[in-house]
Protein backbone atom coordinates (compact mmCIF):
# COMPACT_ATOMS: atom_id res chain seq x y z
CA MET A 1 13.88 -234.19 20.25
CA TRP A 2 14.06 -231.72 17.37
CA GLN A 3 16.37 -229.24 20.08
CA TRP A 4 19.32 -231.91 19.21
CA TYR A 5 18.92 -232.30 15.65
CA GLU A 6 19.05 -227.95 15.36
CA THR A 7 22.14 -228.39 17.75
CA ALA A 8 24.19 -230.73 15.77
CA ALA A 9 22.87 -229.36 11.88
CA MET A 10 24.11 -225.58 13.10
CA PRO A 11 28.04 -226.09 12.02
CA GLY A 12 27.32 -228.07 9.07
CA HIS A 13 25.98 -232.08 10.32
CA ALA A 14 25.07 -232.80 7.07
CA ILE A 15 22.69 -235.71 8.69
CA GLY A 16 21.44 -233.64 11.06
CA GLN A 17 20.21 -231.04 8.75
CA TYR A 18 18.85 -233.62 7.32
CA ASN A 19 16.96 -234.90 10.25
CA LEU A 20 15.97 -231.59 10.70
CA ALA A 21 14.08 -231.54 7.55
CA LYS A 22 12.03 -234.88 7.83
CA LEU A 23 11.20 -233.30 11.85
CA TYR A 24 9.19 -229.91 9.87
CA TYR A 25 8.04 -231.73 7.08
CA THR A 26 6.80 -233.82 8.86
CA GLU A 27 5.18 -232.28 11.74
CA LEU A 28 7.22 -234.38 14.81
CA ASP A 29 7.85 -232.50 17.67
CA VAL A 30 7.22 -229.15 15.64
CA PRO A 31 4.85 -227.58 13.60
CA GLN A 32 5.14 -227.90 10.33
CA ASP A 33 6.89 -225.65 8.64
CA ASN A 34 7.93 -226.41 4.76
CA VAL A 35 10.23 -223.37 3.76
CA ARG A 36 11.48 -224.46 6.62
CA ALA A 37 11.99 -228.57 5.64
CA TYR A 38 13.03 -227.07 2.21
CA MET A 39 16.02 -225.16 4.14
CA TRP A 40 17.02 -227.76 5.35
CA VAL A 41 17.33 -230.21 3.11
CA ASN A 42 19.45 -227.76 0.93
CA LEU A 43 21.92 -226.81 3.31
CA ALA A 44 21.90 -230.94 4.18
CA ALA A 45 22.38 -231.75 0.19
CA VAL A 46 25.35 -228.63 -0.41
CA HIS A 47 27.03 -230.74 2.78
CA MET A 48 27.34 -234.07 2.42
CA THR A 49 29.04 -236.52 -0.48
CA GLY A 50 28.65 -238.66 -3.18
CA ASP A 51 25.78 -241.13 -2.71
CA GLU A 52 24.62 -239.06 0.97
CA GLN A 53 24.30 -236.54 -2.13
CA LYS A 54 21.85 -238.81 -5.06
């Protein structure tokens, strides 16, 4: 599952980036990695607009 999110996240897909951050934070299908979770959630925030960004 995480491979799909990573593929979607690479070109700047904010929802894919956010979902990948959740996977790394909650240890779903990947080992927990708070640094990667932080990185992906911040990239997602940059690419989101309006209410999504809040």
